[in-house]
């Protein structure tokens, strides 16, 4: 998922997406520890996507706070 796709989401949708990505990361870590994860690069991709979501949430919250 790209940053431009994420920018179109609302704050609530971003929070939900963050929760989904964290759940997926947890699952991938479990699969890696049991040697069932074939694509270990997926862990890094998930972490980057979580960071993107958190960055956009921070931006949206700051923007809404300035407008109030």
PDB file of N, CA and C in Angstrom:
ATOM      1  N   UNK A   1       0.852  -1.177   0.000  1.00  0.00           N
ATOM      2  CA  UNK A   1       0.000   0.000   0.000  1.00  0.00           C
ATOM      3  C   UNK A   1       0.894   1.235   0.000  1.00  0.00           C
ATOM      4  N   UNK A   2       0.601   2.162  -0.903  1.00  0.00           N
ATOM      5  CA  UNK A   2       1.427   3.357  -1.016  1.00  0.00           C
ATOM      6  C   UNK A   2       0.897   4.471  -0.121  1.00  0.00           C
ATOM      7  N   UNK A   3       1.746   5.467   0.108  1.00  0.00           N
ATOM      8  CA  UNK A   3       1.363   6.588   0.959  1.00  0.00           C
ATOM      9  C   UNK A   3       0.197   7.353   0.331  1.00  0.00           C
ATOM     10  N   UNK A   4       0.169   7.464  -0.983  1.00  0.00           N
ATOM     11  CA  UNK A   4      -0.921   8.197  -1.630  1.00  0.00           C
ATOM     12  C   UNK A   4      -2.260   7.485  -1.431  1.00  0.00           C
ATOM     13  N   UNK A   5      -2.248   6.164  -1.421  1.00  0.00           N
ATOM     14  CA  UNK A   5      -3.480   5.412  -1.153  1.00  0.00           C
ATOM     15  C   UNK A   5      -3.920   5.615   0.284  1.00  0.00           C
ATOM     16  N   UNK A   6      -2.948   5.666   1.188  1.00  0.00           N
ATOM     17  CA  UNK A   6      -3.267   5.843   2.603  1.00  0.00           C
ATOM     18  C   UNK A   6      -3.787   7.245   2.897  1.00  0.00           C
ATOM     19  N   UNK A   7      -3.297   8.240   2.170  1.00  0.00           N
ATOM     20  CA  UNK A   7      -3.716   9.630   2.403  1.00  0.00           C
ATOM     21  C   UNK A   7      -5.211   9.825   2.168  1.00  0.00           C
ATOM     22  N   UNK A   8      -5.797   9.000   1.327  1.00  0.00           N
ATOM     23  CA  UNK A   8      -7.213   9.157   1.019  1.00  0.00           C
ATOM     24  C   UNK A   8      -8.114   8.596   2.129  1.00  0.00           C
ATOM     25  N   UNK A   9      -7.518   7.885   3.100  1.00  0.00           N
ATOM     26  CA  UNK A   9      -8.304   7.293   4.174  1.00  0.00           C
ATOM     27  C   UNK A   9      -8.545   8.300   5.296  1.00  0.00           C
ATOM     28  N   UNK A  10      -9.643   8.121   6.019  1.00  0.00           N
ATOM     29  CA  UNK A  10      -9.942   8.984   7.160  1.00  0.00           C
ATOM     30  C   UNK A  10      -9.117   8.531   8.368  1.00  0.00           C
ATOM     31  N   UNK A  11      -9.185   9.317   9.441  1.00  0.00           N
ATOM     32  CA  UNK A  11      -8.443   8.979  10.659  1.00  0.00           C
ATOM     33  C   UNK A  11      -8.859   7.618  11.202  1.00  0.00           C
ATOM     34  N   UNK A  12     -10.157   7.378  11.256  1.00  0.00           N
ATOM     35  CA  UNK A  12     -10.652   6.088  11.773  1.00  0.00           C
ATOM     36  C   UNK A  12     -10.203   4.924  10.899  1.00  0.00           C
ATOM     37  N   UNK A  13     -10.240   5.128   9.599  1.00  0.00           N
ATOM     38  CA  UNK A  13      -9.807   4.076   8.683  1.00  0.00           C
ATOM     39  C   UNK A  13      -8.315   3.810   8.835  1.00  0.00           C
ATOM     40  N   UNK A  14      -7.532   4.863   9.051  1.00  0.00           N
ATOM     41  CA  UNK A  14      -6.093   4.689   9.257  1.00  0.00           C
ATOM     42  C   UNK A  14      -5.816   3.936  10.548  1.00  0.00           C
ATOM     43  N   UNK A  15      -6.567   4.246  11.596  1.00  0.00           N
ATOM     44  CA  UNK A  15      -6.384   3.531  12.860  1.00  0.00           C
ATOM     45  C   UNK A  15      -6.695   2.054  12.694  1.00  0.00           C
ATOM     46  N   UNK A  16      -7.760   1.749  11.968  1.00  0.00           N
ATOM     47  CA  UNK A  16      -8.120   0.355  11.728  1.00  0.00           C
ATOM     48  C   UNK A  16      -7.060  -0.333  10.870  1.00  0.00           C
ATOM     49  N   UNK A  17      -6.555   0.358   9.859  1.00  0.00           N
ATOM     50  CA  UNK A  17      -5.518  -0.208   8.999  1.00  0.00           C
ATOM     51  C   UNK A  17      -4.265  -0.505   9.817  1.00  0.00           C
ATOM     52  N   UNK A  18      -3.934   0.393  10.754  1.00  0.00           N
ATOM     53  CA  UNK A  18      -2.785   0.169  11.623  1.00  0.00           C
ATOM     54  C   UNK A  18      -2.951  -1.070  12.475  1.00  0.00           C
ATOM     55  N   UNK A  19      -4.164  -1.253  13.019  1.00  0.00           N
ATOM     56  CA  UNK A  19      -4.434  -2.450  13.821  1.00  0.00           C
ATOM     57  C   UNK A  19      -4.302  -3.719  12.968  1.00  0.00           C
ATOM     58  N   UNK A  20      -4.829  -3.663  11.750  1.00  0.00           N
ATOM     59  CA  UNK A  20      -4.748  -4.825  10.856  1.00  0.00           C
ATOM     60  C   UNK A  20      -3.296  -5.166  10.534  1.00  0.00           C
ATOM     61  N   UNK A  21      -2.497  -4.121  10.254  1.00  0.00           N
ATOM     62  CA  UNK A  21      -1.093  -4.354   9.925  1.00  0.00           C
ATOM     63  C   UNK A  21      -0.329  -4.917  11.122  1.00  0.00           C
ATOM     64  N   UNK A  22      -0.632  -4.424  12.316  1.00  0.00           N
ATOM     65  CA  UNK A  22       0.036  -4.955  13.511  1.00  0.00           C
ATOM     66  C   UNK A  22      -0.327  -6.422  13.739  1.00  0.00           C
ATOM     67  N   UNK A  23      -1.593  -6.764  13.518  1.00  0.00           N
ATOM     68  CA  UNK A  23      -2.014  -8.162  13.647  1.00  0.00           C
ATOM     69  C   UNK A  23      -1.295  -9.036  12.623  1.00  0.00           C
ATOM     70  N   UNK A  24      -1.187  -8.529  11.411  1.00  0.00           N
ATOM     71  CA  UNK A  24      -0.510  -9.272  10.350  1.00  0.00           C
ATOM     72  C   UNK A  24       0.974  -9.445  10.677  1.00  0.00           C
ATOM     73  N   UNK A  25       1.601  -8.397  11.230  1.00  0.00           N
ATOM     74  CA  UNK A  25       3.008  -8.476  11.618  1.00  0.00           C
ATOM     75  C   UNK A  25       3.197  -9.514  12.721  1.00  0.00           C
ATOM     76  N   UNK A  26       2.317  -9.518  13.700  1.00  0.00           N
ATOM     77  CA  UNK A  26       2.385 -10.503  14.780  1.00  0.00           C
ATOM     78  C   UNK A  26       2.300 -11.913  14.210  1.00  0.00           C
ATOM     79  N   UNK A  27       1.349 -12.120  13.315  1.00  0.00           N
ATOM     80  CA  UNK A  27       1.169 -13.431  12.701  1.00  0.00           C
ATOM     81  C   UNK A  27       2.412 -13.841  11.910  1.00  0.00           C
ATOM     82  N   UNK A  28       2.993 -12.880  11.188  1.00  0.00           N
ATOM     83  CA  UNK A  28       4.185 -13.187  10.398  1.00  0.00           C
ATOM     84  C   UNK A  28       5.365 -13.537  11.307  1.00  0.00           C
ATOM     85  N   UNK A  29       5.470 -12.863  12.444  1.00  0.00           N
ATOM     86  CA  UNK A  29       6.554 -13.186  13.381  1.00  0.00           C
ATOM     87  C   UNK A  29       6.394 -14.588  13.939  1.00  0.00           C
ATOM     88  N   UNK A  30       5.158 -14.977  14.221  1.00  0.00           N
ATOM     89  CA  UNK A  30       4.897 -16.336  14.704  1.00  0.00           C
ATOM     90  C   UNK A  30       5.275 -17.357  13.628  1.00  0.00           C
ATOM     91  N   UNK A  31       4.863 -17.072  12.389  1.00  0.00           N
ATOM     92  CA  UNK A  31       5.189 -17.986  11.294  1.00  0.00           C
ATOM     93  C   UNK A  31       6.700 -18.083  11.088  1.00  0.00           C
ATOM     94  N   UNK A  32       7.416 -16.959  11.260  1.00  0.00           N
ATOM     95  CA  UNK A  32       8.870 -16.997  11.104  1.00  0.00           C
ATOM     96  C   UNK A  32       9.499 -17.859  12.196  1.00  0.00           C
ATOM     97  N   UNK A  33       9.008 -17.720  13.417  1.00  0.00           N
ATOM     98  CA  UNK A  33       9.601 -18.481  14.512  1.00  0.00           C
ATOM     99  C   UNK A  33       9.355 -19.981  14.375  1.00  0.00           C
ATOM    100  N   UNK A  34       8.279 -20.337  13.706  1.00  0.00           N
ATOM    101  CA  UNK A  34       8.004 -21.757  13.471  1.00  0.00           C
ATOM    102  C   UNK A  34       8.507 -22.208  12.098  1.00  0.00           C
ATOM    103  N   UNK A  35       9.275 -21.339  11.452  1.00  0.00           N
ATOM    104  CA  UNK A  35       9.894 -21.618  10.151  1.00  0.00           C
ATOM    105  C   UNK A  35       8.872 -21.908   9.059  1.00  0.00           C
ATOM    106  N   UNK A  36       7.710 -21.244   9.125  1.00  0.00           N
ATOM    107  CA  UNK A  36       6.695 -21.415   8.094  1.00  0.00           C
ATOM    108  C   UNK A  36       6.609 -20.203   7.175  1.00  0.00           C
ATOM    109  N   UNK A  37       7.349 -19.138   7.502  1.00  0.00           N
ATOM    110  CA  UNK A  37       7.318 -17.923   6.696  1.00  0.00           C
ATOM    111  C   UNK A  37       8.355 -18.038   5.590  1.00  0.00           C
ATOM    112  N   UNK A  38       7.888 -18.016   4.345  1.00  0.00           N
ATOM    113  CA  UNK A  38       8.803 -18.160   3.219  1.00  0.00           C
ATOM    114  C   UNK A  38       9.419 -16.823   2.821  1.00  0.00           C
ATOM    115  N   UNK A  39       8.633 -15.751   2.866  1.00  0.00           N
ATOM    116  CA  UNK A  39       9.116 -14.439   2.447  1.00  0.00           C
ATOM    117  C   UNK A  39       9.431 -13.604   3.686  1.00  0.00           C
ATOM    118  N   UNK A  40      10.680 -13.671   4.147  1.00  0.00           N
ATOM    119  CA  UNK A  40      11.048 -12.945   5.360  1.00  0.00           C
ATOM    120  C   UNK A  40      11.111 -11.443   5.125  1.00  0.00           C
ATOM    121  N   UNK A  41      11.192 -11.005   3.888  1.00  0.00           N
ATOM    122  CA  UNK A  41      11.189  -9.577   3.582  1.00  0.00           C
ATOM    123  C   UNK A  41       9.836  -8.952   3.912  1.00  0.00           C
ATOM    124  N   UNK A  42       8.823  -9.790   4.033  1.00  0.00           N
ATOM    125  CA  UNK A  42       7.481  -9.310   4.372  1.00  0.00           C
ATOM    126  C   UNK A  42       7.479  -8.605   5.723  1.00  0.00           C
ATOM    127  N   UNK A  43       8.329  -9.043   6.652  1.00  0.00           N
ATOM    128  CA  UNK A  43       8.386  -8.414   7.970  1.00  0.00           C
ATOM    129  C   UNK A  43       8.790  -6.943   7.844  1.00  0.00           C
ATOM    130  N   UNK A  44       9.806  -6.668   7.072  1.00  0.00           N
ATOM    131  CA  UNK A  44      10.250  -5.292   6.868  1.00  0.00           C
ATOM    132  C   UNK A  44       9.203  -4.444   6.174  1.00  0.00           C
ATOM    133  N   UNK A  45       8.531  -5.031   5.203  1.00  0.00           N
ATOM    134  CA  UNK A  45       7.474  -4.307   4.489  1.00  0.00           C
ATOM    135  C   UNK A  45       6.331  -3.948   5.418  1.00  0.00           C
ATOM    136  N   UNK A  46       5.958  -4.867   6.283  1.00  0.00           N
ATOM    137  CA  UNK A  46       4.878  -4.603   7.234  1.00  0.00           C
ATOM    138  C   UNK A  46       5.267  -3.492   8.201  1.00  0.00           C
ATOM    139  N   UNK A  47       6.496  -3.523   8.679  1.00  0.00           N
ATOM    140  CA  UNK A  47       6.964  -2.478   9.597  1.00  0.00           C
ATOM    141  C   UNK A  47       6.929  -1.107   8.921  1.00  0.00           C
ATOM    142  N   UNK A  48       7.351  -1.050   7.663  1.00  0.00           N
ATOM    143  CA  UNK A  48       7.336   0.221   6.933  1.00  0.00           C
ATOM    144  C   UNK A  48       5.917   0.718   6.726  1.00  0.00           C
ATOM    145  N   UNK A  49       4.997  -0.184   6.422  1.00  0.00           N
ATOM    146  CA  UNK A  49       3.606   0.214   6.240  1.00  0.00           C
ATOM    147  C   UNK A  49       2.995   0.722   7.542  1.00  0.00           C
ATOM    148  N   UNK A  50       3.340   0.096   8.655  1.00  0.00           N
ATOM    149  CA  UNK A  50       2.865   0.569   9.952  1.00  0.00           C
ATOM    150  C   UNK A  50       3.392   1.968  10.209  1.00  0.00           C
ATOM    151  N   UNK A  51       4.663   2.193   9.904  1.00  0.00           N
ATOM    152  CA  UNK A  51       5.254   3.520  10.095  1.00  0.00           C
ATOM    153  C   UNK A  51       4.558   4.553   9.212  1.00  0.00           C
ATOM    154  N   UNK A  52       4.226   4.186   7.985  1.00  0.00           N
ATOM    155  CA  UNK A  52       3.519   5.113   7.092  1.00  0.00           C
ATOM    156  C   UNK A  52       2.163   5.510   7.682  1.00  0.00           C
ATOM    157  N   UNK A  53       1.444   4.512   8.178  1.00  0.00           N
ATOM    158  CA  UNK A  53       0.125   4.771   8.759  1.00  0.00           C
ATOM    159  C   UNK A  53       0.262   5.695   9.968  1.00  0.00           C
ATOM    160  N   UNK A  54       1.226   5.419  10.832  1.00  0.00           N
ATOM    161  CA  UNK A  54       1.420   6.237  12.031  1.00  0.00           C
ATOM    162  C   UNK A  54       1.809   7.669  11.661  1.00  0.00           C
ATOM    163  N   UNK A  55       2.638   7.832  10.654  1.00  0.00           N
ATOM    164  CA  UNK A  55       3.040   9.165  10.201  1.00  0.00           C
ATOM    165  C   UNK A  55       1.837   9.942   9.690  1.00  0.00           C
ATOM    166  N   UNK A  56       1.017   9.305   8.884  1.00  0.00           N
ATOM    167  CA  UNK A  56      -0.167   9.977   8.348  1.00  0.00           C
ATOM    168  C   UNK A  56      -1.167  10.301   9.447  1.00  0.00           C
ATOM    169  N   UNK A  57      -1.304   9.422  10.426  1.00  0.00           N
ATOM    170  CA  UNK A  57      -2.197   9.708  11.555  1.00  0.00           C
ATOM    171  C   UNK A  57      -1.711  10.939  12.321  1.00  0.00           C
ATOM    172  N   UNK A  58      -0.413  11.021  12.531  1.00  0.00           N
ATOM    173  CA  UNK A  58       0.157  12.171  13.231  1.00  0.00           C
ATOM    174  C   UNK A  58      -0.090  13.450  12.442  1.00  0.00           C
ATOM    175  N   UNK A  59       0.103  13.390  11.122  1.00  0.00           N
ATOM    176  CA  UNK A  59      -0.130  14.559  10.269  1.00  0.00           C
ATOM    177  C   UNK A  59      -1.593  14.994  10.331  1.00  0.00           C
ATOM    178  N   UNK A  60      -2.504  14.037  10.222  1.00  0.00           N
ATOM    179  CA  UNK A  60      -3.936  14.367  10.228  1.00  0.00           C
ATOM    180  C   UNK A  60      -4.362  14.941  11.577  1.00  0.00           C
ATOM    181  N   UNK A  61      -3.829  14.378  12.663  1.00  0.00           N
ATOM    182  CA  UNK A  61      -4.184  14.889  13.984  1.00  0.00           C
ATOM    183  C   UNK A  61      -3.632  16.289  14.200  1.00  0.00           C
ATOM    184  N   UNK A  62      -2.433  16.550  13.708  1.00  0.00           N
ATOM    185  CA  UNK A  62      -1.848  17.881  13.832  1.00  0.00           C
ATOM    186  C   UNK A  62      -2.629  18.896  13.011  1.00  0.00           C
ATOM    187  N   UNK A  63      -3.049  18.492  11.827  1.00  0.00           N
ATOM    188  CA  UNK A  63      -3.804  19.395  10.948  1.00  0.00           C
ATOM    189  C   UNK A  63      -5.167  19.709  11.557  1.00  0.00           C
ATOM    190  N   UNK A  64      -5.811  18.723  12.133  1.00  0.00           N
ATOM    191  CA  UNK A  64      -7.119  18.974  12.726  1.00  0.00           C
ATOM    192  C   UNK A  64      -6.985  19.791  14.004  1.00  0.00           C
ATOM    193  N   UNK A  65      -5.872  19.645  14.706  1.00  0.00           N
ATOM    194  CA  UNK A  65      -5.637  20.421  15.919  1.00  0.00           C
ATOM    195  C   UNK A  65      -5.356  21.878  15.622  1.00  0.00           C
ATOM    196  N   UNK A  66      -4.714  22.170  14.495  1.00  0.00           N
ATOM    197  CA  UNK A  66      -4.407  23.554  14.104  1.00  0.00           C
ATOM    198  C   UNK A  66      -5.661  24.273  13.648  1.00  0.00           C
ATOM    199  N   UNK A  67      -6.578  23.556  13.043  1.00  0.00           N
ATOM    200  CA  UNK A  67      -7.792  24.165  12.532  1.00  0.00           C
ATOM    201  C   UNK A  67      -8.768  24.504  13.645  1.00  0.00           C
ATOM    202  N   UNK A  68      -8.642  23.896  14.800  1.00  0.00           N
ATOM    203  CA  UNK A  68      -9.597  24.102  15.906  1.00  0.00           C
ATOM    204  C   UNK A  68      -9.264  25.307  16.733  1.00  0.00           C
TER     205      UNK A  68
END
